[in-house]
Structures are given as structure tokens and as C-alpha cells.
PDB file of N, CA and C in Angstrom:
ATOM      1  N   SER A   1      -7.984 -13.974   8.457  1.00  0.00           N
ATOM      2  CA  SER A   1      -6.992 -13.517   7.509  1.00  0.00           C
ATOM      3  C   SER A   1      -6.761 -12.025   7.694  1.00  0.00           C
ATOM      4  N   GLU A   2      -5.535 -11.613   7.512  1.00  0.00           N
ATOM      5  CA  GLU A   2      -5.149 -10.218   7.662  1.00  0.00           C
ATOM      6  C   GLU A   2      -5.382  -9.485   6.348  1.00  0.00           C
ATOM      7  N   GLN A   3      -5.974  -8.302   6.448  1.00  0.00           N
ATOM      8  CA  GLN A   3      -6.138  -7.471   5.264  1.00  0.00           C
ATOM      9  C   GLN A   3      -5.880  -6.022   5.646  1.00  0.00           C
ATOM     10  N   LYS A   4      -5.156  -5.337   4.764  1.00  0.00           N
ATOM     11  CA  LYS A   4      -4.859  -3.919   4.963  1.00  0.00           C
ATOM     12  C   LYS A   4      -4.769  -3.287   3.588  1.00  0.00           C
ATOM     13  N   HIS A   5      -5.354  -2.107   3.444  1.00  0.00           N
ATOM     14  CA  HIS A   5      -5.299  -1.382   2.172  1.00  0.00           C
ATOM     15  C   HIS A   5      -5.057   0.091   2.508  1.00  0.00           C
ATOM     16  N   VAL A   6      -3.920   0.592   2.037  1.00  0.00           N
ATOM     17  CA  VAL A   6      -3.556   1.983   2.256  1.00  0.00           C
ATOM     18  C   VAL A   6      -3.285   2.602   0.897  1.00  0.00           C
ATOM     19  N   SER A   7      -3.822   3.799   0.667  1.00  0.00           N
ATOM     20  CA  SER A   7      -3.540   4.467  -0.602  1.00  0.00           C
ATOM     21  C   SER A   7      -3.322   5.950  -0.376  1.00  0.00           C
ATOM     22  N   THR A   8      -2.589   6.540  -1.301  1.00  0.00           N
ATOM     23  CA  THR A   8      -2.333   7.971  -1.271  1.00  0.00           C
ATOM     24  C   THR A   8      -2.162   8.450  -2.709  1.00  0.00           C
ATOM     25  N   SER A   9      -2.334   9.732  -2.901  1.00  0.00           N
ATOM     26  CA  SER A   9      -2.162  10.327  -4.227  1.00  0.00           C
ATOM     27  C   SER A   9      -1.317  11.585  -4.116  1.00  0.00           C
ATOM     28  N   ASP A  10      -0.635  11.907  -5.199  1.00  0.00           N
ATOM     29  CA  ASP A  10       0.089  13.161  -5.286  1.00  0.00           C
ATOM     30  C   ASP A  10       0.008  13.659  -6.724  1.00  0.00           C
ATOM     31  N   GLU A  11       0.815  14.643  -7.075  1.00  0.00           N
ATOM     32  CA  GLU A  11       0.761  15.227  -8.416  1.00  0.00           C
ATOM     33  C   GLU A  11       1.173  14.240  -9.510  1.00  0.00           C
ATOM     34  N   ASN A  12       1.811  13.131  -9.122  1.00  0.00           N
ATOM     35  CA  ASN A  12       2.265  12.147 -10.103  1.00  0.00           C
ATOM     36  C   ASN A  12       1.320  10.969 -10.295  1.00  0.00           C
ATOM     37  N   GLY A  13       0.454  10.729  -9.321  1.00  0.00           N
ATOM     38  CA  GLY A  13      -0.460   9.608  -9.461  1.00  0.00           C
ATOM     39  C   GLY A  13      -0.953   9.059  -8.141  1.00  0.00           C
ATOM     40  N   THR A  14      -1.381   7.796  -8.173  1.00  0.00           N
ATOM     41  CA  THR A  14      -1.953   7.121  -7.018  1.00  0.00           C
ATOM     42  C   THR A  14      -1.091   5.913  -6.664  1.00  0.00           C
ATOM     43  N   TYR A  15      -0.948   5.677  -5.365  1.00  0.00           N
ATOM     44  CA  TYR A  15      -0.123   4.588  -4.853  1.00  0.00           C
ATOM     45  C   TYR A  15      -0.971   3.761  -3.896  1.00  0.00           C
ATOM     46  N   GLU A  16      -0.988   2.451  -4.075  1.00  0.00           N
ATOM     47  CA  GLU A  16      -1.782   1.569  -3.226  1.00  0.00           C
ATOM     48  C   GLU A  16      -0.895   0.462  -2.657  1.00  0.00           C
ATOM     49  N   TYR A  17      -1.044   0.223  -1.361  1.00  0.00           N
ATOM     50  CA  TYR A  17      -0.321  -0.835  -0.662  1.00  0.00           C
ATOM     51  C   TYR A  17      -1.366  -1.754  -0.060  1.00  0.00           C
ATOM     52  N   ILE A  18      -1.317  -3.026  -0.423  1.00  0.00           N
ATOM     53  CA  ILE A  18      -2.335  -3.982  -0.009  1.00  0.00           C
ATOM     54  C   ILE A  18      -1.655  -5.201   0.609  1.00  0.00           C
ATOM     55  N   ILE A  19      -2.141  -5.589   1.772  1.00  0.00           N
ATOM     56  CA  ILE A  19      -1.686  -6.831   2.398  1.00  0.00           C
ATOM     57  C   ILE A  19      -2.899  -7.734   2.516  1.00  0.00           C
ATOM     58  N   LYS A  20      -2.767  -8.945   2.014  1.00  0.00           N
ATOM     59  CA  LYS A  20      -3.826  -9.936   2.156  1.00  0.00           C
ATOM     60  C   LYS A  20      -3.168 -11.287   2.412  1.00  0.00           C
ATOM     61  N   ASP A  21      -3.503 -11.884   3.549  1.00  0.00           N
ATOM     62  CA  ASP A  21      -2.950 -13.178   3.931  1.00  0.00           C
ATOM     63  C   ASP A  21      -1.420 -13.193   3.854  1.00  0.00           C
ATOM     64  N   SER A  22      -0.794 -12.159   4.414  1.00  0.00           N
ATOM     65  CA  SER A  22       0.669 -12.015   4.500  1.00  0.00           C
ATOM     66  C   SER A  22       1.354 -11.776   3.156  1.00  0.00           C
ATOM     67  N   ILE A  23       0.599 -11.578   2.095  1.00  0.00           N
ATOM     68  CA  ILE A  23       1.174 -11.252   0.792  1.00  0.00           C
ATOM     69  C   ILE A  23       1.009  -9.755   0.579  1.00  0.00           C
ATOM     70  N   LYS A  24       2.120  -9.079   0.323  1.00  0.00           N
ATOM     71  CA  LYS A  24       2.121  -7.628   0.157  1.00  0.00           C
ATOM     72  C   LYS A  24       2.186  -7.284  -1.324  1.00  0.00           C
ATOM     73  N   ASN A  25       1.322  -6.372  -1.732  1.00  0.00           N
ATOM     74  CA  ASN A  25       1.268  -5.956  -3.130  1.00  0.00           C
ATOM     75  C   ASN A  25       1.310  -4.427  -3.185  1.00  0.00           C
ATOM     76  N   PHE A  26       1.917  -3.908  -4.223  1.00  0.00           N
ATOM     77  CA  PHE A  26       2.048  -2.460  -4.398  1.00  0.00           C
ATOM     78  C   PHE A  26       1.643  -2.113  -5.818  1.00  0.00           C
ATOM     79  N   ARG A  27       0.836  -1.059  -5.949  1.00  0.00           N
ATOM     80  CA  ARG A  27       0.358  -0.628  -7.264  1.00  0.00           C
ATOM     81  C   ARG A  27       0.593   0.870  -7.410  1.00  0.00           C
ATOM     82  N   VAL A  28       1.104   1.256  -8.581  1.00  0.00           N
ATOM     83  CA  VAL A  28       1.329   2.665  -8.901  1.00  0.00           C
ATOM     84  C   VAL A  28       0.573   2.968 -10.180  1.00  0.00           C
ATOM     85  N   ILE A  29      -0.287   3.983 -10.110  1.00  0.00           N
ATOM     86  CA  ILE A  29      -1.080   4.386 -11.268  1.00  0.00           C
ATOM     87  C   ILE A  29      -0.793   5.855 -11.550  1.00  0.00           C
ATOM     88  N   SER A  30      -0.400   6.153 -12.786  1.00  0.00           N
ATOM     89  CA  SER A  30      -0.074   7.535 -13.157  1.00  0.00           C
ATOM     90  C   SER A  30      -1.334   8.396 -13.113  1.00  0.00           C
ATOM     91  N   LYS A  31      -1.146   9.709 -13.133  1.00  0.00           N
ATOM     92  CA  LYS A  31      -2.306  10.610 -13.120  1.00  0.00           C
ATOM     93  C   LYS A  31      -3.140  10.473 -14.391  1.00  0.00           C
ATOM     94  N   GLU A  32      -2.553   9.882 -15.435  1.00  0.00           N
ATOM     95  CA  GLU A  32      -3.276   9.628 -16.679  1.00  0.00           C
ATOM     96  C   GLU A  32      -4.040   8.304 -16.640  1.00  0.00           C
ATOM     97  N   GLY A  33      -3.868   7.543 -15.548  1.00  0.00           N
ATOM     98  CA  GLY A  33      -4.575   6.276 -15.397  1.00  0.00           C
ATOM     99  C   GLY A  33      -3.803   5.052 -15.849  1.00  0.00           C
ATOM    100  N   GLU A  34      -2.536   5.221 -16.220  1.00  0.00           N
ATOM    101  CA  GLU A  34      -1.714   4.103 -16.673  1.00  0.00           C
ATOM    102  C   GLU A  34      -1.086   3.396 -15.466  1.00  0.00           C
ATOM    103  N   THR A  35      -1.177   2.079 -15.433  1.00  0.00           N
ATOM    104  CA  THR A  35      -0.548   1.303 -14.369  1.00  0.00           C
ATOM    105  C   THR A  35       0.955   1.235 -14.637  1.00  0.00           C
ATOM    106  N   LEU A  36       1.731   1.824 -13.740  1.00  0.00           N
ATOM    107  CA  LEU A  36       3.187   1.860 -13.888  1.00  0.00           C
ATOM    108  C   LEU A  36       3.859   0.693 -13.185  1.00  0.00           C
ATOM    109  N   PHE A  37       3.216   0.198 -12.127  1.00  0.00           N
ATOM    110  CA  PHE A  37       3.721  -0.969 -11.414  1.00  0.00           C
ATOM    111  C   PHE A  37       2.551  -1.613 -10.704  1.00  0.00           C
ATOM    112  N   ASP A  38       2.506  -2.932 -10.735  1.00  0.00           N
ATOM    113  CA  ASP A  38       1.495  -3.692  -9.996  1.00  0.00           C
ATOM    114  C   ASP A  38       2.078  -5.066  -9.732  1.00  0.00           C
ATOM    115  N   GLY A  39       2.558  -5.257  -8.518  1.00  0.00           N
ATOM    116  CA  GLY A  39       3.177  -6.531  -8.238  1.00  0.00           C
ATOM    117  C   GLY A  39       3.484  -6.737  -6.773  1.00  0.00           C
ATOM    118  N   PRO A  40       4.020  -7.908  -6.463  1.00  0.00           N
ATOM    119  CA  PRO A  40       4.335  -8.245  -5.076  1.00  0.00           C
ATOM    120  C   PRO A  40       5.533  -7.461  -4.557  1.00  0.00           C
ATOM    121  N   VAL A  41       5.496  -7.180  -3.246  1.00  0.00           N
ATOM    122  CA  VAL A  41       6.627  -6.537  -2.564  1.00  0.00           C
ATOM    123  C   VAL A  41       6.871  -7.218  -1.216  1.00  0.00           C
ATOM    124  N   THR A  42       6.530  -8.498  -1.160  1.00  0.00           N
ATOM    125  CA  THR A  42       6.670  -9.254   0.075  1.00  0.00           C
ATOM    126  C   THR A  42       8.135  -9.500   0.411  1.00  0.00           C
ATOM    127  N   HIS A  43       8.945  -9.790  -0.586  1.00  0.00           N
ATOM    128  CA  HIS A  43      10.349 -10.142  -0.368  1.00  0.00           C
ATOM    129  C   HIS A  43      11.273  -9.026  -0.866  1.00  0.00           C
ATOM    130  N   GLN A  44      12.454  -8.974  -0.309  1.00  0.00           N
ATOM    131  CA  GLN A  44      13.420  -7.942  -0.695  1.00  0.00           C
ATOM    132  C   GLN A  44      13.751  -8.008  -2.183  1.00  0.00           C
ATOM    133  N   THR A  45      13.787  -9.206  -2.752  1.00  0.00           N
ATOM    134  CA  THR A  45      14.076  -9.326  -4.183  1.00  0.00           C
ATOM    135  C   THR A  45      12.999  -8.649  -5.023  1.00  0.00           C
ATOM    136  N   ASP A  46      11.754  -8.669  -4.531  1.00  0.00           N
ATOM    137  CA  ASP A  46      10.665  -7.960  -5.220  1.00  0.00           C
ATOM    138  C   ASP A  46      10.888  -6.456  -5.147  1.00  0.00           C
ATOM    139  N   ARG A  47      11.248  -5.983  -3.972  1.00  0.00           N
ATOM    140  CA  ARG A  47      11.440  -4.548  -3.741  1.00  0.00           C
ATOM    141  C   ARG A  47      12.630  -3.993  -4.517  1.00  0.00           C
ATOM    142  N   ASP A  48      13.623  -4.831  -4.721  1.00  0.00           N
ATOM    143  CA  ASP A  48      14.814  -4.405  -5.455  1.00  0.00           C
ATOM    144  C   ASP A  48      14.494  -4.029  -6.901  1.00  0.00           C
ATOM    145  N   LYS A  49      13.394  -4.522  -7.428  1.00  0.00           N
ATOM    146  CA  LYS A  49      12.985  -4.239  -8.810  1.00  0.00           C
ATOM    147  C   LYS A  49      12.279  -2.890  -8.959  1.00  0.00           C
ATOM    148  N   LEU A  50      11.894  -2.298  -7.835  1.00  0.00           N
ATOM    149  CA  LEU A  50      11.175  -1.019  -7.878  1.00  0.00           C
ATOM    150  C   LEU A  50      12.103   0.145  -8.200  1.00  0.00           C
ATOM    151  N   PRO A  51      11.655   1.098  -9.020  1.00  0.00           N
ATOM    152  CA  PRO A  51      12.417   2.343  -9.192  1.00  0.00           C
ATOM    153  C   PRO A  51      12.492   3.084  -7.850  1.00  0.00           C
ATOM    154  N   ILE A  52      13.534   3.841  -7.646  1.00  0.00           N
ATOM    155  CA  ILE A  52      13.773   4.507  -6.360  1.00  0.00           C
ATOM    156  C   ILE A  52      12.607   5.388  -5.921  1.00  0.00           C
ATOM    157  N   GLU A  53      11.959   6.096  -6.847  1.00  0.00           N
ATOM    158  CA  GLU A  53      10.844   6.965  -6.453  1.00  0.00           C
ATOM    159  C   GLU A  53       9.654   6.165  -5.948  1.00  0.00           C
ATOM    160  N   PHE A  54       9.481   4.934  -6.435  1.00  0.00           N
ATOM    161  CA  PHE A  54       8.397   4.078  -5.956  1.00  0.00           C
ATOM    162  C   PHE A  54       8.748   3.486  -4.594  1.00  0.00           C
ATOM    163  N   LYS A  55      10.018   3.197  -4.364  1.00  0.00           N
ATOM    164  CA  LYS A  55      10.444   2.657  -3.071  1.00  0.00           C
ATOM    165  C   LYS A  55      10.129   3.640  -1.953  1.00  0.00           C
ATOM    166  N   LYS A  56      10.335   4.915  -2.222  1.00  0.00           N
ATOM    167  CA  LYS A  56      10.057   5.942  -1.215  1.00  0.00           C
ATOM    168  C   LYS A  56       8.569   5.964  -0.869  1.00  0.00           C
ATOM    169  N   LYS A  57       7.714   5.901  -1.872  1.00  0.00           N
ATOM    170  CA  LYS A  57       6.267   5.900  -1.636  1.00  0.00           C
ATOM    171  C   LYS A  57       5.833   4.634  -0.902  1.00  0.00           C
ATOM    172  N   LEU A  58       6.412   3.501  -1.268  1.00  0.00           N
ATOM    173  CA  LEU A  58       6.084   2.255  -0.582  1.00  0.00           C
ATOM    174  C   LEU A  58       6.446   2.360   0.894  1.00  0.00           C
ATOM    175  N   PHE A  59       7.617   2.881   1.196  1.00  0.00           N
ATOM    176  CA  PHE A  59       8.046   3.061   2.581  1.00  0.00           C
ATOM    177  C   PHE A  59       7.055   3.948   3.344  1.00  0.00           C
ATOM    178  N   GLU A  60       6.609   5.036   2.720  1.00  0.00           N
ATOM    179  CA  GLU A  60       5.655   5.936   3.353  1.00  0.00           C
ATOM    180  C   GLU A  60       4.339   5.221   3.660  1.00  0.00           C
ATOM    181  N   LEU A  61       3.846   4.449   2.691  1.00  0.00           N
ATOM    182  CA  LEU A  61       2.583   3.741   2.885  1.00  0.00           C
ATOM    183  C   LEU A  61       2.682   2.666   3.960  1.00  0.00           C
ATOM    184  N   GLU A  62       3.792   1.978   4.007  1.00  0.00           N
ATOM    185  CA  GLU A  62       3.971   0.936   5.024  1.00  0.00           C
ATOM    186  C   GLU A  62       3.993   1.519   6.416  1.00  0.00           C
ATOM    187  N   ASN A  63       4.403   2.745   6.546  1.00  0.00           N
ATOM    188  CA  ASN A  63       4.525   3.367   7.866  1.00  0.00           C
ATOM    189  C   ASN A  63       3.366   4.270   8.225  1.00  0.00           C
ATOM    190  N   MET A  64       2.287   4.192   7.499  1.00  0.00           N
ATOM    191  CA  MET A  64       1.083   4.963   7.832  1.00  0.00           C
ATOM    192  C   MET A  64       0.283   4.233   8.887  1.00  0.00           C
TER     193      MET A  64
END
């Protein structure tokens, strides 16, 4: 099974990109510890639900 976990942090919080068995998940946690997003991003319809600032971070993590 394929597994990948990439994370990064900035002044706004922590971003995690996880792939497990071809299922892609993205998590955004604010600097205060609040989960702002935690869900699948495998399909374009999933990604369309992300706020634009999260889409940029997801793109960065996928290309690391």
C-alpha cells in the first residue's frame, strides 16, 4: 500500500497532506489548534470545496 505524509507550517497554522491507499486527505489546523479543514481531496469535486488559500497550500504540498 502507498503511504505519504507531508506537512508544513506557517504563521497561519499547519497543513498536512496524506495519501493512503490512493485516497488523498488534507488537513488544516490554525495556529490556535482549531481544525479548519479535514477531508478528502482525491477528486476535483472535493478540491472545489476548499477556500482558495487552502488550495494554494495543497498544491505546494503535493509538489514537495
